[in-house]
Amino acid sequence: MGIGFGLGVGPFRVGTSARSRDIQGCAPILGIFLILGLVLLAIFWPFLLGQWIAEKLGAPPNGSSAHALGWIFEAIYVAVLVLGYVALRRHSALVAKEREATERRETLRRSLVELDALATAIREQRWPLEYADVWLIEPRVRVTHGPQVPTAIEQGTVRIHPSGVEFIGATKRVEWRADRIREVIHDGYFAFHLTSRKTVSGLSADGSEALGYAIDFVWKGRESRAASDVCLSRIAHARLRVDAELRAADAITNSR
């Protein structure tokens, strides 16, 4: 007893056969041919359909007119696939752009709330203020015998008070006392240089402008009324800018 396997695409024909006792040994090869046949069928079924329709309408089998109609169907099929792919890419890009715009608007709204809360805290001495989802940055050696580089260690909550800044995480708790802060450098994160420590640690919070102004107040603004007024003026200007960005973002979204 023998088993045969054949595949035809347009004018091309491929076939193979095997006796029943050889089936077990030829199973992997037959499987490969089956997969190949399914792939070719998925690619060329419009060609076969067009050829079949032409033959049903009276065209000679495998004739030039049947092949021409088959290739017309194939060209339409490829064009539809290409147009569908382009449309899908455009839709995905629009969805991603809309998601980014929504996230940006939410960030701006949160910034307005945080800036207002900070200004109120400074004017009315309503402390402490808390900021969530802030990263603790500490120096770590990433390569054996390499230099120490600023590394995000843990995410947690930051508590701001005129007496200092405190990070509270799941496993670490770090405090930077205001009277020991020698300098704060904004270099991709807020790096605290203390008089009592040689190592530099700090904080990082993407999209939180208020945290930077709060740290500046703890560092410099608490020293005098004039310094506090400077901090409040900077916060007011930042609020106007953020509010303008939010209005512009809302106008663009509403115009779509």
Protein backbone atom coordinates (compact mmCIF):
# COMPACT_ATOMS: atom_id res chain seq x y z
CA MET A 1 0.00 0.00 0.00
CA GLY A 2 1.35 3.46 -0.87
CA ILE A 3 0.50 7.00 0.14
CA GLY A 4 1.08 10.00 -2.13
CA PHE A 5 1.26 13.70 -1.50
CA GLY A 6 0.96 16.33 -4.20
CA LEU A 7 0.85 20.12 -4.45
CA GLY A 8 -0.10 22.28 -7.40
CA VAL A 9 0.24 26.05 -7.77
CA GLY A 10 -0.56 27.41 -11.22
CA PRO A 11 1.64 25.66 -13.77
CA PHE A 12 3.88 24.14 -11.09
CA ARG A 13 3.33 20.63 -9.74
CA VAL A 14 5.22 18.76 -7.01
CA GLY A 15 4.45 15.24 -5.79
CA THR A 16 5.86 12.46 -3.62
CA SER A 17 4.77 9.04 -2.41
CA ALA A 18 5.80 6.41 0.12
CA ARG A 19 4.93 2.78 0.97
CA SER A 20 3.06 2.19 4.19
CA ARG A 21 6.10 0.64 5.91
CA ASP A 22 8.10 3.76 5.08
CA ILE A 23 5.51 6.20 6.42
CA GLN A 24 6.89 6.21 9.95
CA GLY A 25 10.38 7.07 8.77
CA CYS A 26 9.14 9.68 6.29
CA ALA A 27 6.77 11.39 8.75
CA PRO A 28 9.06 14.41 9.36
CA ILE A 29 9.54 14.95 5.63
CA LEU A 30 5.81 14.62 4.96
CA GLY A 31 5.18 17.11 7.75
CA ILE A 32 7.56 19.60 6.15
CA PHE A 33 5.82 19.17 2.79
CA LEU A 34 2.45 19.66 4.46
CA ILE A 35 3.53 22.88 6.15
CA LEU A 36 5.10 24.12 2.91
CA GLY A 37 1.89 23.34 1.07
CA LEU A 38 -0.22 25.25 3.58
CA VAL A 39 2.10 28.25 3.37
CA LEU A 40 1.97 28.27 -0.44
CA LEU A 41 -1.79 27.86 -0.35
CA ALA A 42 -2.10 30.86 2.00
CA ILE A 43 0.00 32.91 -0.44
CA PHE A 44 -1.36 31.74 -3.80
CA TRP A 45 -5.00 30.87 -3.14
CA PRO A 46 -6.21 33.99 -5.04
CA PHE A 47 -4.21 32.86 -8.08
CA LEU A 48 -5.76 29.38 -7.89
CA LEU A 49 -9.23 30.89 -7.42
CA GLY A 50 -8.82 33.16 -10.44
CA GLN A 51 -7.53 30.28 -12.54
CA TRP A 52 -10.45 28.10 -11.46
CA ILE A 53 -13.00 30.82 -12.32
CA ALA A 54 -11.39 31.36 -15.74
CA GLU A 55 -11.56 27.64 -16.48
CA LYS A 56 -15.21 27.53 -15.38
CA LEU A 57 -15.91 30.36 -17.82
CA GLY A 58 -14.45 28.33 -20.68
CA ALA A 59 -10.74 29.14 -20.67
CA PRO A 60 -8.35 26.26 -21.50
CA PRO A 61 -6.87 24.54 -18.41
CA ASN A 62 -3.53 26.17 -17.50
CA GLY A 63 -3.95 28.48 -20.46
CA SER A 64 -2.62 32.01 -20.68
CA SER A 65 -6.05 33.56 -20.05
CA ALA A 66 -6.50 31.44 -16.89
CA HIS A 67 -3.04 32.43 -15.67
CA ALA A 68 -3.74 36.12 -16.43
CA LEU A 69 -6.94 36.11 -14.37
CA GLY A 70 -5.13 34.24 -11.60
CA TRP A 71 -2.37 36.85 -11.45
CA ILE A 72 -4.96 39.64 -11.43
CA PHE A 73 -6.59 38.04 -8.39
CA GLU A 74 -3.15 37.63 -6.81
CA ALA A 75 -2.26 41.30 -7.42
CA ILE A 76 -5.54 42.42 -5.82
CA TYR A 77 -4.86 40.15 -2.85
CA VAL A 78 -1.34 41.55 -2.36
CA ALA A 79 -2.62 45.13 -2.71
CA VAL A 80 -5.29 44.51 -0.06
CA LEU A 81 -2.67 43.04 2.29
CA VAL A 82 -0.34 46.01 1.79
CA LEU A 83 -3.12 48.55 2.27
CA GLY A 84 -4.34 46.69 5.35
CA TYR A 85 -0.82 46.67 6.80
CA VAL A 86 -0.39 50.40 6.16
CA ALA A 87 -3.79 51.16 7.69
CA LEU A 88 -2.97 49.04 10.74
CA ARG A 89 0.36 50.82 11.21
CA ARG A 90 -1.32 54.21 10.97
CA HIS A 91 -4.01 53.19 13.43
CA SER A 92 -1.40 51.86 15.87
CA ALA A 93 0.58 55.10 15.55
CA LEU A 94 -2.54 57.20 16.20
CA VAL A 95 -3.46 55.09 19.23
CA ALA A 96 0.09 55.38 20.62
CA LYS A 97 0.11 59.15 20.00
CA GLU A 98 -3.26 59.55 21.72
CA ARG A 99 -2.06 57.48 24.67
CA GLU A 100 1.07 59.63 24.99
CA ALA A 101 -1.04 62.79 24.80
CA THR A 102 -3.38 61.48 27.51
CA GLU A 103 -0.46 60.60 29.76
CA ARG A 104 1.07 64.03 29.14
CA ARG A 105 -2.18 65.78 30.09
CA GLU A 106 -2.45 63.72 33.26
CA THR A 107 1.15 64.62 34.15
CA LEU A 108 0.44 68.32 33.61
CA ARG A 109 -2.71 68.18 35.75
CA ARG A 110 -0.80 66.44 38.52
CA SER A 111 1.93 69.09 38.27
CA LEU A 112 -0.63 71.86 38.73
CA VAL A 113 -2.03 70.19 41.84
CA GLU A 114 1.45 69.62 43.28
CA LEU A 115 2.60 73.17 42.53
CA ASP A 116 -0.51 74.62 44.19
CA ALA A 117 0.01 72.38 47.23
CA LEU A 118 3.66 73.44 47.50
CA ALA A 119 2.84 77.16 47.25
CA THR A 120 0.18 76.75 49.95
CA ALA A 121 2.59 74.83 52.18
CA ILE A 122 5.22 77.57 51.91
CA ARG A 123 2.78 80.44 52.51
CA GLU A 124 0.76 78.80 55.27
CA GLN A 125 3.39 76.44 56.72
CA ARG A 126 1.39 73.32 55.96
CA TRP A 127 4.00 70.60 56.25
CA PRO A 128 4.97 67.89 55.46
CA LEU A 129 4.33 67.33 51.76
CA GLU A 130 4.56 63.86 50.25
CA TYR A 131 5.46 62.73 46.73
CA ALA A 132 4.89 59.14 45.63
CA ASP A 133 6.73 56.97 43.08
CA VAL A 134 10.12 58.62 43.63
CA TRP A 135 13.34 56.70 43.01
CA LEU A 136 16.20 56.64 45.50
CA ILE A 137 19.51 57.13 43.67
CA GLU A 138 22.74 55.87 45.23
CA PRO A 139 26.26 55.19 43.85
CA ARG A 140 26.85 51.58 42.89
CA VAL A 141 29.61 49.68 41.08
CA ARG A 142 28.05 48.09 37.98
CA VAL A 143 31.26 46.55 36.60
CA THR A 144 33.89 44.74 38.63
CA HIS A 145 36.61 47.22 39.67
CA GLY A 146 34.70 49.92 37.79
CA PRO A 147 33.68 53.37 39.03
CA GLN A 148 30.60 54.02 41.12
CA VAL A 149 27.72 55.41 39.10
CA PRO A 150 24.33 56.79 40.16
CA THR A 151 21.88 53.87 40.23
CA ALA A 152 18.14 53.67 40.93
CA ILE A 153 17.88 51.54 44.06
CA GLU A 154 14.28 51.56 45.21
CA GLN A 155 11.00 53.36 44.59
CA GLY A 156 9.10 54.90 47.47
CA THR A 157 7.60 58.05 49.00
CA VAL A 158 9.41 61.32 49.69
CA ARG A 159 8.38 63.50 52.61
CA ILE A 160 9.33 67.18 52.41
CA HIS A 161 9.63 69.40 55.50
CA PRO A 162 11.58 72.64 56.02
CA SER A 163 13.90 70.66 58.31
CA GLY A 164 14.86 68.23 55.56
CA VAL A 165 13.96 65.64 52.94
CA GLU A 166 13.16 62.02 53.78
CA PHE A 167 12.85 59.00 51.51
CA ILE A 168 10.70 56.12 52.76
CA GLY A 169 10.87 52.86 50.83
CA ALA A 170 10.03 49.23 51.49
CA THR A 171 13.56 48.36 52.65
CA LYS A 172 15.43 51.68 52.85
CA ARG A 173 14.88 54.94 54.68
CA VAL A 174 17.18 57.88 53.97
CA GLU A 175 17.11 61.42 55.36
CA TRP A 176 18.88 64.55 54.15
CA ARG A 177 18.81 67.18 56.90
CA ALA A 178 18.44 70.74 55.67
CA ASP A 179 21.20 72.09 57.90
CA ARG A 180 23.65 69.59 56.39
CA ILE A 181 22.81 70.12 52.72
CA ARG A 182 25.80 71.85 51.17
CA GLU A 183 24.56 71.77 47.59
CA VAL A 184 21.85 70.22 45.40
CA ILE A 185 22.79 69.55 41.78
CA HIS A 186 20.17 68.79 39.13
CA ASP A 187 22.01 66.35 36.85
CA GLY A 188 19.34 63.98 35.61
CA TYR A 189 18.35 63.57 39.25
CA PHE A 190 18.49 65.63 42.45
CA ALA A 191 21.94 64.93 43.91
CA PHE A 192 22.40 65.91 47.57
CA HIS A 193 25.90 66.97 48.58
CA LEU A 194 26.09 66.92 52.38
CA THR A 195 28.70 68.32 54.74
CA SER A 196 28.71 65.06 56.71
CA ARG A 197 28.97 62.55 53.82
CA LYS A 198 31.46 61.94 51.03
CA THR A 199 29.12 59.82 48.95
CA VAL A 200 26.40 61.54 46.97
CA SER A 201 22.85 60.18 46.94
CA GLY A 202 19.65 61.68 45.65
CA LEU A 203 16.16 61.35 44.20
CA SER A 204 14.58 61.03 40.78
CA ALA A 205 10.93 61.58 39.84
CA ASP A 206 9.95 61.88 36.20
CA GLY A 207 7.36 64.57 35.49
CA SER A 208 7.28 66.04 39.02
CA GLU A 209 8.36 69.67 38.79
CA ALA A 210 7.01 70.44 42.24
CA LEU A 211 9.49 68.05 43.87
CA GLY A 212 12.40 70.05 42.46
CA TYR A 213 11.00 73.35 43.74
CA ALA A 214 10.31 71.75 47.12
CA ILE A 215 13.90 70.54 47.39
CA ASP A 216 15.16 74.00 46.40
CA PHE A 217 13.02 75.53 49.14
CA VAL A 218 14.44 73.15 51.75
CA TRP A 219 17.96 73.93 50.53
CA LYS A 220 17.72 77.72 50.10
CA GLY A 221 14.19 79.07 50.46
CA ARG A 222 13.77 78.40 54.17
CA GLU A 223 16.65 80.69 55.11
CA SER A 224 14.69 83.96 54.92
CA ARG A 225 11.42 85.53 53.89
CA ALA A 226 13.07 86.96 50.78
CA ALA A 227 14.34 83.52 49.75
CA SER A 228 10.85 82.08 50.30
CA ASP A 229 9.37 84.82 48.10
CA VAL A 230 11.85 83.91 45.34
CA CYS A 231 10.74 80.27 45.55
CA LEU A 232 7.07 81.30 45.43
CA SER A 233 7.76 83.48 42.38
CA ARG A 234 9.44 80.59 40.57
CA ILE A 235 6.54 78.29 41.46
CA ALA A 236 4.03 80.85 40.14
CA HIS A 237 5.89 81.15 36.82
CA ALA A 238 6.08 77.36 36.56
CA ARG A 239 2.36 77.09 37.20
CA LEU A 240 1.57 79.58 34.43
CA ARG A 241 3.75 77.62 32.00
CA VAL A 242 2.25 74.25 32.96
CA ASP A 243 -1.28 75.66 32.73
CA ALA A 244 -0.54 77.04 29.23
CA GLU A 245 0.84 73.65 28.13
CA LEU A 246 -2.26 71.90 29.48
CA ARG A 247 -4.61 74.30 27.69
CA ALA A 248 -2.71 73.78 24.44
CA ALA A 249 -2.80 69.99 24.85
CA ASP A 250 -6.56 70.07 25.57
CA ALA A 251 -7.16 72.30 22.54
CA ILE A 252 -5.28 69.89 20.25
CA THR A 253 -7.24 66.92 21.64
CA ASN A 254 -10.61 68.68 21.26
CA SER A 255 -9.83 69.68 17.67
CA ARG A 256 -9.37 66.09 16.53
